[in-house]
């Protein structure tokens, strides 16, 4: 939030000169066309600012945006869930089932429609709408493994860790156009 200011504001105590002169920026923008951005090697996004060329790692940027979105969902604004046509039953060990029971409220805020079923099972009725729907069982197991590890380390940042895991899982990967 407010990252745009980082590239437009100049410190008052320093006199700085633009890396690109205005006429060069105009020529570069004309060459780039209306998009004014390029994708390089399906990994970086390049754009021109008044201070020069800005190179953005698309995977890191997308993961950061998703992290903020999931963190916001955990605190204030729940994410929509994409309901599955055929709910998936996931069989868990007793300890994983107990961990899942602790995480269900946060999972629901982040777009998962998950309920306990039987003695050691979860039913996944829906997933976050912007997440790949291909392997919800592995995702739930990864979330439980991550939560178990952070609980062992005494980490109290459960929502942040969950948001981080989901953002890494859902983010655009390098090589994606």
N, C-alpha and C. Protein backbone atom coordinates (compact mmCIF):
# COMPACT_ATOMS: atom_id res chain seq x y z
N UNK A 1 0.84 -1.17 0.00
CA UNK A 1 0.00 0.00 0.00
C UNK A 1 0.88 1.24 0.00
N UNK A 2 0.63 2.10 -0.96
CA UNK A 2 1.42 3.31 -1.06
C UNK A 2 2.76 3.12 -1.72
N UNK A 3 2.98 1.95 -2.38
CA UNK A 3 4.29 1.69 -2.98
C UNK A 3 4.58 2.63 -4.14
N UNK A 4 3.51 3.17 -4.75
CA UNK A 4 3.71 4.07 -5.88
C UNK A 4 4.53 5.29 -5.46
N UNK A 5 4.30 5.76 -4.23
CA UNK A 5 4.99 6.94 -3.72
C UNK A 5 6.50 6.74 -3.69
N UNK A 6 6.91 5.50 -3.51
CA UNK A 6 8.32 5.19 -3.41
C UNK A 6 9.06 5.58 -4.69
N UNK A 7 8.38 5.52 -5.83
CA UNK A 7 9.04 5.79 -7.09
C UNK A 7 8.83 7.22 -7.58
N UNK A 8 7.89 7.93 -7.03
CA UNK A 8 7.63 9.30 -7.46
C UNK A 8 8.21 10.34 -6.52
N UNK A 9 8.30 10.02 -5.24
CA UNK A 9 8.78 11.00 -4.26
C UNK A 9 10.30 11.03 -4.26
N UNK A 10 10.83 12.22 -4.09
CA UNK A 10 12.28 12.39 -4.00
C UNK A 10 12.60 13.02 -2.65
N UNK A 11 13.63 12.58 -2.00
CA UNK A 11 13.99 13.17 -0.71
C UNK A 11 14.26 14.66 -0.85
N UNK A 12 13.77 15.44 0.08
CA UNK A 12 13.90 16.90 0.02
C UNK A 12 15.35 17.34 0.20
N UNK A 13 16.13 16.62 0.97
CA UNK A 13 17.48 17.06 1.26
C UNK A 13 18.49 16.73 0.15
N UNK A 14 18.09 15.88 -0.82
CA UNK A 14 18.99 15.52 -1.88
C UNK A 14 18.51 16.12 -3.20
N UNK A 15 19.45 16.57 -3.97
CA UNK A 15 19.10 17.01 -5.32
C UNK A 15 19.37 15.84 -6.24
N UNK A 16 18.34 15.40 -6.93
CA UNK A 16 18.50 14.25 -7.81
C UNK A 16 18.16 14.65 -9.23
N UNK A 17 18.79 13.96 -10.15
CA UNK A 17 18.49 14.16 -11.57
C UNK A 17 17.88 12.88 -12.10
N UNK A 18 16.85 12.99 -12.93
CA UNK A 18 16.24 11.80 -13.50
C UNK A 18 17.25 11.01 -14.33
N UNK A 19 17.16 9.71 -14.29
CA UNK A 19 18.01 8.85 -15.08
C UNK A 19 17.63 8.99 -16.56
N UNK A 20 16.33 9.11 -16.80
CA UNK A 20 15.84 9.26 -18.16
C UNK A 20 15.28 10.67 -18.31
N UNK A 21 15.75 11.39 -19.33
CA UNK A 21 15.23 12.73 -19.59
C UNK A 21 13.80 12.62 -20.12
N UNK A 22 12.98 13.65 -19.91
CA UNK A 22 11.58 13.60 -20.35
C UNK A 22 11.40 13.22 -21.81
N UNK A 23 12.24 13.75 -22.70
CA UNK A 23 12.08 13.42 -24.11
C UNK A 23 12.41 11.96 -24.37
N UNK A 24 13.40 11.41 -23.63
CA UNK A 24 13.74 9.99 -23.78
C UNK A 24 12.60 9.11 -23.25
N UNK A 25 11.98 9.53 -22.14
CA UNK A 25 10.86 8.78 -21.59
C UNK A 25 9.71 8.75 -22.59
N UNK A 26 9.45 9.89 -23.24
CA UNK A 26 8.38 9.98 -24.23
C UNK A 26 8.65 9.02 -25.39
N UNK A 27 9.88 9.00 -25.87
CA UNK A 27 10.26 8.10 -26.97
C UNK A 27 10.11 6.65 -26.54
N UNK A 28 10.57 6.33 -25.34
CA UNK A 28 10.49 4.95 -24.84
C UNK A 28 9.03 4.52 -24.70
N UNK A 29 8.18 5.40 -24.17
CA UNK A 29 6.76 5.07 -24.03
C UNK A 29 6.11 4.86 -25.39
N UNK A 30 6.50 5.65 -26.38
CA UNK A 30 5.95 5.48 -27.73
C UNK A 30 6.38 4.13 -28.31
N UNK A 31 7.61 3.72 -28.03
CA UNK A 31 8.10 2.43 -28.54
C UNK A 31 7.40 1.27 -27.84
N UNK A 32 7.11 1.44 -26.54
CA UNK A 32 6.43 0.38 -25.80
C UNK A 32 4.96 0.27 -26.20
N UNK A 33 4.39 1.35 -26.68
CA UNK A 33 2.99 1.34 -27.06
C UNK A 33 2.10 1.72 -25.90
N UNK A 34 0.82 1.38 -26.04
CA UNK A 34 -0.16 1.81 -25.03
C UNK A 34 0.01 1.08 -23.71
N UNK A 35 0.55 -0.13 -23.73
CA UNK A 35 0.70 -0.88 -22.49
C UNK A 35 1.75 -0.26 -21.57
N UNK A 36 2.80 0.29 -22.15
CA UNK A 36 3.89 0.90 -21.41
C UNK A 36 4.55 -0.07 -20.45
N UNK A 37 4.40 -1.39 -20.72
CA UNK A 37 5.06 -2.42 -19.93
C UNK A 37 5.47 -3.55 -20.86
N UNK A 38 6.51 -4.24 -20.47
CA UNK A 38 6.98 -5.41 -21.22
C UNK A 38 7.17 -6.56 -20.25
N UNK A 39 6.99 -7.77 -20.75
CA UNK A 39 7.33 -8.95 -19.97
C UNK A 39 8.62 -9.51 -20.55
N UNK A 40 9.59 -9.77 -19.70
CA UNK A 40 10.90 -10.25 -20.12
C UNK A 40 11.11 -11.67 -19.63
N UNK A 41 11.37 -12.58 -20.54
CA UNK A 41 11.66 -13.98 -20.22
C UNK A 41 10.58 -14.63 -19.36
N UNK A 42 9.35 -14.19 -19.50
CA UNK A 42 8.21 -14.74 -18.74
C UNK A 42 8.50 -14.74 -17.24
N UNK A 43 9.32 -13.77 -16.81
CA UNK A 43 9.69 -13.71 -15.40
C UNK A 43 9.63 -12.29 -14.84
N UNK A 44 9.97 -11.31 -15.64
CA UNK A 44 10.03 -9.93 -15.17
C UNK A 44 9.07 -9.05 -15.94
N UNK A 45 8.60 -8.01 -15.28
CA UNK A 45 7.80 -6.98 -15.92
C UNK A 45 8.65 -5.72 -15.89
N UNK A 46 8.80 -5.08 -17.04
CA UNK A 46 9.59 -3.86 -17.14
C UNK A 46 8.66 -2.71 -17.48
N UNK A 47 8.88 -1.58 -16.82
CA UNK A 47 8.16 -0.37 -17.13
C UNK A 47 9.08 0.82 -16.89
N UNK A 48 8.72 1.94 -17.46
CA UNK A 48 9.54 3.13 -17.34
C UNK A 48 8.89 4.08 -16.35
N UNK A 49 9.70 4.63 -15.45
CA UNK A 49 9.25 5.66 -14.52
C UNK A 49 10.11 6.89 -14.75
N UNK A 50 9.80 7.96 -14.06
CA UNK A 50 10.60 9.18 -14.21
C UNK A 50 12.02 8.98 -13.72
N UNK A 51 12.23 7.99 -12.87
CA UNK A 51 13.56 7.74 -12.32
C UNK A 51 14.34 6.69 -13.08
N UNK A 52 13.73 6.08 -14.09
CA UNK A 52 14.44 5.07 -14.85
C UNK A 52 13.54 3.89 -15.16
N UNK A 53 14.15 2.74 -15.36
CA UNK A 53 13.41 1.53 -15.67
C UNK A 53 13.15 0.77 -14.37
N UNK A 54 11.91 0.34 -14.22
CA UNK A 54 11.51 -0.44 -13.05
C UNK A 54 11.38 -1.89 -13.48
N UNK A 55 12.12 -2.78 -12.83
CA UNK A 55 12.08 -4.21 -13.14
C UNK A 55 11.41 -4.91 -11.96
N UNK A 56 10.33 -5.64 -12.28
CA UNK A 56 9.53 -6.29 -11.24
C UNK A 56 9.53 -7.79 -11.48
N UNK A 57 9.84 -8.56 -10.46
CA UNK A 57 9.71 -10.02 -10.54
C UNK A 57 8.23 -10.33 -10.41
N UNK A 58 7.62 -10.87 -11.49
CA UNK A 58 6.17 -11.04 -11.49
C UNK A 58 5.70 -12.04 -10.45
N UNK A 59 6.46 -13.10 -10.18
CA UNK A 59 6.05 -14.08 -9.18
C UNK A 59 6.04 -13.46 -7.79
N UNK A 60 7.11 -12.77 -7.44
CA UNK A 60 7.19 -12.14 -6.12
C UNK A 60 6.12 -11.08 -5.95
N UNK A 61 5.88 -10.29 -6.99
CA UNK A 61 4.87 -9.24 -6.90
C UNK A 61 3.47 -9.83 -6.73
N UNK A 62 3.16 -10.87 -7.49
CA UNK A 62 1.83 -11.47 -7.39
C UNK A 62 1.65 -12.14 -6.03
N UNK A 63 2.68 -12.81 -5.54
CA UNK A 63 2.58 -13.43 -4.22
C UNK A 63 2.37 -12.38 -3.14
N UNK A 64 3.01 -11.23 -3.27
CA UNK A 64 2.84 -10.16 -2.30
C UNK A 64 1.41 -9.63 -2.31
N UNK A 65 0.85 -9.44 -3.51
CA UNK A 65 -0.53 -8.96 -3.63
C UNK A 65 -1.49 -9.97 -3.00
N UNK A 66 -1.28 -11.26 -3.30
CA UNK A 66 -2.14 -12.29 -2.74
C UNK A 66 -1.98 -12.39 -1.22
N UNK A 67 -0.74 -12.25 -0.73
CA UNK A 67 -0.51 -12.29 0.71
C UNK A 67 -1.33 -11.20 1.41
N UNK A 68 -1.28 -9.99 0.87
CA UNK A 68 -2.05 -8.89 1.46
C UNK A 68 -3.55 -9.19 1.40
N UNK A 69 -3.98 -9.78 0.31
CA UNK A 69 -5.40 -10.12 0.15
C UNK A 69 -5.83 -11.17 1.18
N UNK A 70 -5.05 -12.23 1.33
CA UNK A 70 -5.39 -13.28 2.29
C UNK A 70 -5.29 -12.78 3.72
N UNK A 71 -4.31 -11.96 4.00
CA UNK A 71 -4.17 -11.40 5.34
C UNK A 71 -5.36 -10.50 5.67
N UNK A 72 -5.77 -9.70 4.71
CA UNK A 72 -6.94 -8.85 4.88
C UNK A 72 -8.19 -9.69 5.09
N UNK A 73 -8.28 -10.80 4.37
CA UNK A 73 -9.43 -11.70 4.52
C UNK A 73 -9.48 -12.29 5.92
N UNK A 74 -8.32 -12.62 6.46
CA UNK A 74 -8.28 -13.21 7.79
C UNK A 74 -8.69 -12.21 8.86
N UNK A 75 -8.49 -10.94 8.58
CA UNK A 75 -8.79 -9.91 9.57
C UNK A 75 -10.17 -9.28 9.37
N UNK A 76 -10.51 -8.94 8.12
CA UNK A 76 -11.69 -8.08 7.91
C UNK A 76 -12.67 -8.55 6.85
N UNK A 77 -12.17 -9.06 5.73
CA UNK A 77 -12.99 -9.21 4.55
C UNK A 77 -12.88 -10.62 3.98
N UNK A 78 -13.77 -11.54 4.36
CA UNK A 78 -13.67 -12.93 3.88
C UNK A 78 -13.68 -13.03 2.35
N UNK A 79 -12.96 -14.03 1.84
CA UNK A 79 -12.85 -14.26 0.41
C UNK A 79 -13.97 -15.19 -0.05
N UNK A 80 -14.45 -14.97 -1.26
CA UNK A 80 -15.49 -15.81 -1.83
C UNK A 80 -14.96 -17.22 -2.08
N UNK A 81 -15.83 -18.18 -1.92
CA UNK A 81 -15.48 -19.58 -2.12
C UNK A 81 -16.11 -20.08 -3.41
N UNK A 82 -15.33 -20.78 -4.21
CA UNK A 82 -15.84 -21.43 -5.41
C UNK A 82 -16.30 -22.83 -5.00
N UNK A 83 -17.61 -23.07 -5.05
CA UNK A 83 -18.14 -24.36 -4.62
C UNK A 83 -17.78 -25.44 -5.63
N UNK A 84 -17.47 -26.62 -5.11
CA UNK A 84 -17.11 -27.75 -5.96
C UNK A 84 -18.37 -28.50 -6.37
N UNK A 85 -18.38 -29.00 -7.57
CA UNK A 85 -19.50 -29.79 -8.05
C UNK A 85 -19.59 -31.09 -7.25
N UNK A 86 -18.43 -31.70 -6.99
CA UNK A 86 -18.37 -32.91 -6.20
C UNK A 86 -17.45 -32.66 -5.01
N UNK A 87 -18.01 -32.49 -3.81
CA UNK A 87 -17.17 -32.25 -2.63
C UNK A 87 -16.17 -33.39 -2.44
N UNK A 88 -15.04 -33.02 -1.91
CA UNK A 88 -13.94 -33.98 -1.73
C UNK A 88 -13.81 -34.34 -0.26
N UNK A 89 -13.79 -35.64 0.05
CA UNK A 89 -13.59 -36.11 1.42
C UNK A 89 -12.10 -36.39 1.58
N UNK A 90 -11.53 -35.80 2.63
CA UNK A 90 -10.11 -35.99 2.92
C UNK A 90 -9.98 -36.73 4.24
N UNK A 91 -9.32 -37.87 4.19
CA UNK A 91 -9.10 -38.67 5.40
C UNK A 91 -7.81 -38.21 6.05
N UNK A 92 -7.87 -37.93 7.35
CA UNK A 92 -6.73 -37.40 8.09
C UNK A 92 -6.40 -38.30 9.28
N UNK A 93 -5.18 -38.17 9.76
CA UNK A 93 -4.81 -38.84 11.01
C UNK A 93 -5.51 -38.10 12.15
N UNK A 94 -5.50 -38.71 13.31
CA UNK A 94 -6.18 -38.09 14.46
C UNK A 94 -5.56 -36.73 14.79
N UNK A 95 -4.23 -36.63 14.78
CA UNK A 95 -3.58 -35.36 15.12
C UNK A 95 -3.84 -34.30 14.06
N UNK A 96 -3.81 -34.70 12.77
CA UNK A 96 -4.11 -33.74 11.71
C UNK A 96 -5.56 -33.28 11.78
N UNK A 97 -6.46 -34.18 12.14
CA UNK A 97 -7.87 -33.82 12.26
C UNK A 97 -8.07 -32.80 13.38
N UNK A 98 -7.35 -32.98 14.49
CA UNK A 98 -7.45 -32.01 15.59
C UNK A 98 -6.88 -30.65 15.17
N UNK A 99 -5.75 -30.65 14.45
CA UNK A 99 -5.18 -29.41 13.94
C UNK A 99 -6.15 -28.73 12.97
N UNK A 100 -6.75 -29.52 12.10
CA UNK A 100 -7.70 -28.96 11.13
C UNK A 100 -8.87 -28.31 11.85
N UNK A 101 -9.32 -28.92 12.93
CA UNK A 101 -10.42 -28.33 13.70
C UNK A 101 -10.07 -26.95 14.23
N UNK A 102 -8.81 -26.75 14.62
CA UNK A 102 -8.36 -25.44 15.10
C UNK A 102 -8.28 -24.42 13.96
N UNK A 103 -7.97 -24.89 12.77
CA UNK A 103 -7.76 -23.99 11.63
C UNK A 103 -9.02 -23.66 10.83
N UNK A 104 -10.09 -24.42 11.01
CA UNK A 104 -11.29 -24.25 10.19
C UNK A 104 -11.80 -22.80 10.18
N UNK A 105 -11.86 -22.08 11.30
CA UNK A 105 -12.34 -20.69 11.22
C UNK A 105 -11.51 -19.81 10.29
N UNK A 106 -10.17 -19.91 10.35
CA UNK A 106 -9.32 -19.12 9.46
C UNK A 106 -9.45 -19.59 8.02
N UNK A 107 -9.55 -20.89 7.82
CA UNK A 107 -9.70 -21.42 6.46
C UNK A 107 -10.98 -20.89 5.82
N UNK A 108 -12.05 -20.82 6.59
CA UNK A 108 -13.32 -20.31 6.05
C UNK A 108 -13.19 -18.84 5.66
N UNK A 109 -12.49 -18.05 6.47
CA UNK A 109 -12.30 -16.64 6.13
C UNK A 109 -11.51 -16.48 4.84
N UNK A 110 -10.62 -17.42 4.56
CA UNK A 110 -9.76 -17.33 3.39
C UNK A 110 -10.34 -18.02 2.17
N UNK A 111 -11.61 -18.41 2.24
CA UNK A 111 -12.29 -18.92 1.06
C UNK A 111 -12.50 -20.42 1.00
N UNK A 112 -12.08 -21.15 2.01
CA UNK A 112 -12.30 -22.59 2.02
C UNK A 112 -13.65 -22.88 2.66
N UNK A 113 -14.41 -23.76 2.03
CA UNK A 113 -15.66 -24.24 2.63
C UNK A 113 -15.38 -25.67 3.07
N UNK A 114 -14.96 -25.80 4.32
CA UNK A 114 -14.51 -27.08 4.87
C UNK A 114 -15.32 -27.39 6.12
N UNK A 115 -15.77 -28.65 6.24
CA UNK A 115 -16.48 -29.07 7.45
C UNK A 115 -15.92 -30.41 7.91
N UNK A 116 -16.04 -30.63 9.20
CA UNK A 116 -15.64 -31.92 9.76
C UNK A 116 -16.69 -32.96 9.37
N UNK A 117 -16.21 -34.18 9.15
CA UNK A 117 -17.10 -35.24 8.71
C UNK A 117 -16.62 -36.55 9.32
N UNK A 118 -17.42 -37.14 10.17
CA UNK A 118 -17.03 -38.40 10.81
C UNK A 118 -15.95 -38.18 11.84
N UNK A 119 -15.19 -39.24 12.09
CA UNK A 119 -14.19 -39.16 13.15
C UNK A 119 -12.89 -38.48 12.73
N UNK A 120 -12.44 -38.73 11.52
CA UNK A 120 -11.14 -38.18 11.10
C UNK A 120 -11.15 -37.68 9.66
N UNK A 121 -12.28 -37.16 9.22
CA UNK A 121 -12.40 -36.71 7.84
C UNK A 121 -12.84 -35.26 7.76
N UNK A 122 -12.42 -34.62 6.68
CA UNK A 122 -12.91 -33.29 6.33
C UNK A 122 -13.59 -33.40 4.98
N UNK A 123 -14.61 -32.59 4.78
CA UNK A 123 -15.21 -32.47 3.45
C UNK A 123 -14.89 -31.08 2.95
N UNK A 124 -14.32 -31.02 1.74
CA UNK A 124 -14.04 -29.75 1.10
C UNK A 124 -15.17 -29.49 0.11
N UNK A 125 -16.03 -28.53 0.44
CA UNK A 125 -17.15 -28.15 -0.42
C UNK A 125 -16.75 -27.04 -1.39
N UNK A 126 -15.74 -26.25 -1.02
CA UNK A 126 -15.33 -25.14 -1.86
C UNK A 126 -13.91 -24.69 -1.54
N UNK A 127 -13.32 -24.02 -2.50
CA UNK A 127 -11.95 -23.50 -2.38
C UNK A 127 -11.98 -22.01 -2.68
N UNK A 128 -10.93 -21.27 -2.31
CA UNK A 128 -10.88 -19.86 -2.68
C UNK A 128 -11.05 -19.72 -4.20
N UNK A 129 -11.87 -18.76 -4.60
CA UNK A 129 -12.24 -18.62 -6.00
C UNK A 129 -11.04 -18.39 -6.92
N UNK A 130 -9.98 -17.76 -6.43
CA UNK A 130 -8.84 -17.47 -7.29
C UNK A 130 -7.74 -18.52 -7.22
N UNK A 131 -8.01 -19.65 -6.60
CA UNK A 131 -7.00 -20.68 -6.43
C UNK A 131 -7.29 -21.86 -7.36
N UNK A 132 -6.23 -22.49 -7.82
CA UNK A 132 -6.38 -23.67 -8.67
C UNK A 132 -7.17 -24.73 -7.91
N UNK A 133 -8.10 -25.35 -8.60
CA UNK A 133 -9.00 -26.31 -7.96
C UNK A 133 -8.52 -27.76 -8.13
N UNK A 134 -7.29 -27.95 -8.55
CA UNK A 134 -6.86 -29.28 -8.95
C UNK A 134 -6.56 -30.26 -7.83
N UNK A 135 -5.90 -29.85 -6.76
CA UNK A 135 -5.52 -30.82 -5.74
C UNK A 135 -5.73 -30.25 -4.34
N UNK A 136 -6.98 -30.16 -3.96
CA UNK A 136 -7.30 -29.58 -2.65
C UNK A 136 -6.80 -30.44 -1.49
N UNK A 137 -6.73 -31.76 -1.70
CA UNK A 137 -6.24 -32.63 -0.62
C UNK A 137 -4.79 -32.31 -0.28
N UNK A 138 -3.94 -32.19 -1.30
CA UNK A 138 -2.53 -31.87 -1.05
C UNK A 138 -2.38 -30.49 -0.42
N UNK A 139 -3.20 -29.54 -0.85
CA UNK A 139 -3.15 -28.20 -0.28
C UNK A 139 -3.51 -28.22 1.20
N UNK A 140 -4.57 -28.92 1.56
CA UNK A 140 -4.97 -29.03 2.97
C UNK A 140 -3.87 -29.71 3.78
N UNK A 141 -3.28 -30.77 3.24
CA UNK A 141 -2.18 -31.46 3.94
C UNK A 141 -0.97 -30.54 4.10
N UNK A 142 -0.67 -29.74 3.08
CA UNK A 142 0.44 -28.78 3.17
C UNK A 142 0.16 -27.73 4.25
N UNK A 143 -1.07 -27.25 4.28
CA UNK A 143 -1.45 -26.25 5.29
C UNK A 143 -1.29 -26.84 6.69
N UNK A 144 -1.74 -28.07 6.88
CA UNK A 144 -1.63 -28.71 8.19
C UNK A 144 -0.17 -28.94 8.57
N UNK A 145 0.66 -29.35 7.62
CA UNK A 145 2.09 -29.57 7.89
C UNK A 145 2.76 -28.26 8.28
N UNK A 146 2.44 -27.19 7.55
CA UNK A 146 3.01 -25.88 7.86
C UNK A 146 2.56 -25.40 9.23
N UNK A 147 1.29 -25.57 9.52
CA UNK A 147 0.76 -25.15 10.82
C UNK A 147 1.39 -25.96 11.96
N UNK A 148 1.55 -27.26 11.74
CA UNK A 148 2.17 -28.10 12.76
C UNK A 148 3.60 -27.65 13.02
N UNK A 149 4.35 -27.33 11.97
CA UNK A 149 5.73 -26.87 12.11
C UNK A 149 5.79 -25.54 12.85
N UNK A 150 4.92 -24.60 12.49
CA UNK A 150 4.95 -23.29 13.15
C UNK A 150 4.50 -23.40 14.59
N UNK A 151 3.60 -24.34 14.89
CA UNK A 151 3.17 -24.55 16.29
C UNK A 151 4.32 -25.12 17.11
N UNK A 152 5.13 -25.99 16.51
CA UNK A 152 6.28 -26.55 17.21
C UNK A 152 7.32 -25.47 17.52
N UNK A 153 7.45 -24.51 16.61
CA UNK A 153 8.41 -23.43 16.80
C UNK A 153 7.87 -22.33 17.71
N UNK A 154 6.63 -22.48 18.17
CA UNK A 154 6.04 -21.47 19.05
C UNK A 154 5.61 -20.22 18.32
N UNK A 155 5.38 -20.32 17.02
CA UNK A 155 5.00 -19.16 16.22
C UNK A 155 3.53 -18.83 16.44
N UNK A 156 3.27 -17.61 16.85
CA UNK A 156 1.90 -17.18 17.12
C UNK A 156 1.27 -16.48 15.93
N UNK A 157 1.94 -16.45 14.81
CA UNK A 157 1.45 -15.73 13.64
C UNK A 157 0.72 -16.70 12.69
N UNK A 158 -0.29 -17.36 13.19
CA UNK A 158 -1.00 -18.39 12.44
C UNK A 158 -1.63 -17.82 11.16
N UNK A 159 -2.31 -16.68 11.27
CA UNK A 159 -2.98 -16.10 10.11
C UNK A 159 -1.97 -15.67 9.06
N UNK A 160 -0.86 -15.09 9.50
CA UNK A 160 0.17 -14.65 8.55
C UNK A 160 0.81 -15.84 7.85
N UNK A 161 1.09 -16.90 8.60
CA UNK A 161 1.68 -18.09 7.99
C UNK A 161 0.73 -18.74 6.99
N UNK A 162 -0.55 -18.77 7.34
CA UNK A 162 -1.54 -19.34 6.44
C UNK A 162 -1.66 -18.48 5.17
N UNK A 163 -1.68 -17.16 5.33
CA UNK A 163 -1.75 -16.25 4.18
C UNK A 163 -0.51 -16.42 3.30
N UNK A 164 0.65 -16.58 3.91
CA UNK A 164 1.89 -16.76 3.16
C UNK A 164 1.87 -18.06 2.36
N UNK A 165 1.46 -19.15 2.99
CA UNK A 165 1.39 -20.44 2.31
C UNK A 165 0.42 -20.38 1.13
N UNK A 166 -0.75 -19.80 1.35
CA UNK A 166 -1.74 -19.73 0.28
C UNK A 166 -1.27 -18.83 -0.87
N UNK A 167 -0.61 -17.72 -0.53
CA UNK A 167 -0.14 -16.82 -1.59
C UNK A 167 0.95 -17.48 -2.42
N UNK A 168 1.83 -18.23 -1.80
CA UNK A 168 2.87 -18.93 -2.55
C UNK A 168 2.26 -20.01 -3.43
N UNK A 169 1.23 -20.66 -2.93
CA UNK A 169 0.57 -21.72 -3.68
C UNK A 169 -0.23 -21.18 -4.87
N UNK A 170 -0.88 -20.03 -4.69
CA UNK A 170 -1.78 -19.49 -5.72
C UNK A 170 -1.10 -18.51 -6.67
N UNK A 171 0.09 -18.03 -6.31
CA UNK A 171 0.74 -17.01 -7.12
C UNK A 171 1.16 -17.49 -8.50
N UNK A 172 1.23 -16.54 -9.43
CA UNK A 172 1.70 -16.82 -10.78
C UNK A 172 3.17 -17.27 -10.68
N UNK A 173 3.49 -18.34 -11.33
CA UNK A 173 4.86 -18.85 -11.30
C UNK A 173 5.67 -18.26 -12.46
N UNK A 174 6.97 -18.12 -12.25
CA UNK A 174 7.84 -17.67 -13.34
C UNK A 174 7.68 -18.62 -14.50
N UNK A 175 7.69 -18.06 -15.69
CA UNK A 175 7.49 -18.86 -16.90
C UNK A 175 6.06 -18.81 -17.39
N UNK A 176 5.17 -18.15 -16.63
CA UNK A 176 3.77 -18.02 -17.02
C UNK A 176 3.60 -16.71 -17.78
N UNK A 177 2.95 -16.77 -18.89
CA UNK A 177 2.71 -15.56 -19.69
C UNK A 177 1.32 -15.05 -19.43
